[in-house]
Structures are given as structure tokens and as C-alpha cells.
Amino acid sequence: ICHDNTLFNALFIVLRTSTSNKMKTAFTIVFLFSIAVNGVKCFGYSSLKRCNANIGTNGIHLSSKSKKFSLNLKENPLTFNTNSISSDSIESSDYNEEKSSILPPWFPSFATACLGGLLFGLDIGSSSSVLRILGTGLSEFGTLDPIQLGQIASSSLLGAIISSASIIFIGDKVIGRKNELQIASVLFLVGTLVQSLSTSFPIALVGRVLYGLGIGTAMHVAPLFIAETSPNNLRGRLVSFKEAAIVLGIVAGYAAGAFYGGSNNWHGVFQSALPFEFLMLGGSLLVPESPRWLALRGRKQEAVSSLQSLQSLDPQAAAAQVDEMIVMSGGSPDDKEDGGTVDKLKEIFNSKYNRRALFIGLGLVLFQQLSGQPSVLYFANRIFEQAGMGFEAALIIGVFKLLMTFASAFLVENPNFGRRSLLLYGNTGVSISLLL
């Protein structure tokens, strides 16, 4: 509404002349929302951001770091007063207001990490479609036997194993979260180009391994980066949305297969990942480094700056949170490094609670794979086509999986459900399904 002087003035007339308190309240809320989003553009200083607003009996009063604005609703005609104020007089709570933006400041970091999950899922969905096309014998590779088709499906996982095993030892101490995202983006991009432009089976496998190296790197850094850059009250839900991004990628891969499948264009199926890869690369270059990673390396001032940009905190609050990160990791605010790998393993295995959590976590990952679900996803196109339902039916499985993943992401922080209930319900459903 701030973009139109006529509408803006009409809003003031309603505020001034209306006899309905509910009407005044409703329009006041609209007014304050428009101020918060756009600044007071109608009055020539669109830089008024992070407004502190107060509604009193005499009118509306707003203040920012450099401007003060008041609207007197009882005078006729309406009066508007604006004046500059010293930045030194602004309360520290002014920093707690998010920047004038539709999206919260942590969203770019969250979205960039989620793109890594999406590209992992996209590989599953697109590989399923490519395997169906290559299995027809109509590609330039000729007729591929089951072993060769299995190599196409599994070679990206081989790359993921190599990178994820390597990154455990060098990722935390040497590379850093932001650099990991950049490396994963480049590996995704190079792998897609090599596999989609390959003219021989061995080169296609090389491209699949390169893409897999990106998967392993992204899957290592994505949950860490989301957890370390998200607000505390949203951390569990946002990490769960990374899983939803993987499933969304599976659906996108199946959709690309349905789009290109009629023409047997397997190159196009793989190349459908390119827009997301460029987005991830751009995001990884722009987002700040993880404040926790910086804090545990003795780079406290950089950590404070990163946390300020991610959560719009004032310097004192950001510094306090950085100190808390260091203390919770087992050190003190003056520590320069976090514990080594041996110390961390001792901490895990010396605690009964930690051993139980590790056992449950490893069991979930192990039995998820043993259930056969990942194999079905990779070969869903061929399975449904040979069952007479058409390869497009795989898209239905992907959409259903996506809906259930979103449901669990919303319920994970629900006090009536939570993590344990979701695990019990989910494992019960899986067990019954396997028995049937």
C-alpha cells in the first residue's frame, strides 16, 4: 500500500474518521505491516527499516536507527511529524527486528543447503528414468546388460561413499561448511556435464562417480550447515525439511523422466539438474560461514558477524550466543579448537545415553537400506513399466513419499508427536508393509 499515495492517504482517512474500533485496529495493522515491509516510501525516506512501532491513544509512533515518524489521529487535519534521531539512542532491541525483507535472513543459507539434498534426490529420480531408457537398447551405448545398468545406478553411490568417508577427517578442521557447499556444487555441475554429454559407457560412469562425490560432500555438510545457521526454535523442523528436499528432488527426477521419456532423451533427464546446480553454486558463494564452525576455530569476531547477519542480533546477543556455542562444545569462550576425533569418540562410547542414541541412529540407517526401499526408487520406472502400469506411475510413489515427508517435518516439533512417536509409527508402518 505504500507504493500508492492515493491508497495510503485513503487509509489515513479511514483511521481518522472511522467510528469502529475493530475497523481502526484492522487498518492500523495493515499500515504497520506496510511500513515494516516497505519503509515510509510515500514520505521520501524509503530507508526507514527495522521500525519500532507503538500504538497509543493519540496515534501511531515509529522509530528506526535514523528516523522518527508519528501520525496523530486526533488532530484535524491529520499531522505527520518526522525528524532524525541519533543512532546512539536506539535501543539494542532494534537489532532484533529482521531486515526489511519478505524472507528471514537465515533463509538463503537454509535454501542453499537444501539444494544439496534436492540434487541428491534428483539423481535418484533421474537415474531411474535413465535406466529405463538405457535398458531399451535404443541409446548410443547399445544394449546394456543388468550388470552395466547396476553400475549406472550404483556408481554415484560409490562416489558418495568415497567423499563422505574422506570429508569426515578433513571437512571439519580444514575445509569449513561454506567451502564444502562450494565444492559440492562444483562436483554436481561437473558430474552432470560429464555424464550427460558422454558418448561412451566408461565416460558416463566417470560422470556418475563425480556426481556421487558431490552427493557425499553435500550430505555431510547440509544438515550441519542448516543446524548451525538456523534459529534454535526452528532447528529440528528445518533439518527435517532437508529430507523433504531430497524427496522433492526424487519427484522432480521422475517428472523429468516423464517429460523426456517419450523421446528417450536420457541426456535431457540428467541435464534437468543444471538450473539447481547453478543456484546452489551462486548461493554457496554468497551465504556466510557457519558461526559455530568459526567459533570453534577461535575466530570469534567472524562468528559474531556471521550470527548477526543470519539472525539479525545485536552484537552483545550474538557474542553471548557464540560463547554459549563454545561452552556447550566442551570448551571455554577462550578456546581455539574443538576436541579431536579421538576425544569425540571417547565422549560417545563412555556415555550410556550416547551409545544408545548411536545404536538407534545406525539401526535406522541400516534397516532403511535393508528394507529395499532405495533400490525400488532407483528402478521404479522399470518396475512399473514391466508391471504394465507405465513408467509414469513412478511419479505417484514420489508424490506420496513427498507428502508423508512434509507431514513428518511439521510433526517433528509438535509436542503431541515429536521424534520418538514418529519413529515408532514409521517403523511400525514399514514392518507391516514388508510383511504384506
Foldseek 3Di string as FASTA:
>chain_A
DLVDPVVVVVLLVCCQPPPDPVSNVVSVVVVVVCCAQQNNVVVPCRVAYLWDWDQDPQFIWIDALFKIWTWGSHDPPIDIDMDTDHNVPDDQCSLQDATNDPDGLQVLLLVLLLLLLLLLLLLLQLLQLLLVLQCVQPDLAGHDDPVLSVLLLCLLVVLLVVLLVVCVADVLPPQALLSLLLQLLVLLQQLLVQLLPDNYSVSNSVSSSSNSVSSNSSVVRSLVSQQQLDDPVCNLLSSLVSNLSSLVSNLVLLVQSVVCVVVSNSSSSSCVSVVSSVSSNVSSVPQQTRLLSCQQQQNLVSSLVNNCSRRSGRSVVSSVVSQVSQVVLPHGSRHRHGDDPVVVVCVQVVDPVSVVVVVVVVVVVVVVVVLCVSVCSNNVQVVCVVVVNHSSCSSVVSVVVSVVSNVCSVCCSPPVAHDVNVVVVVVVVSVVVSVD
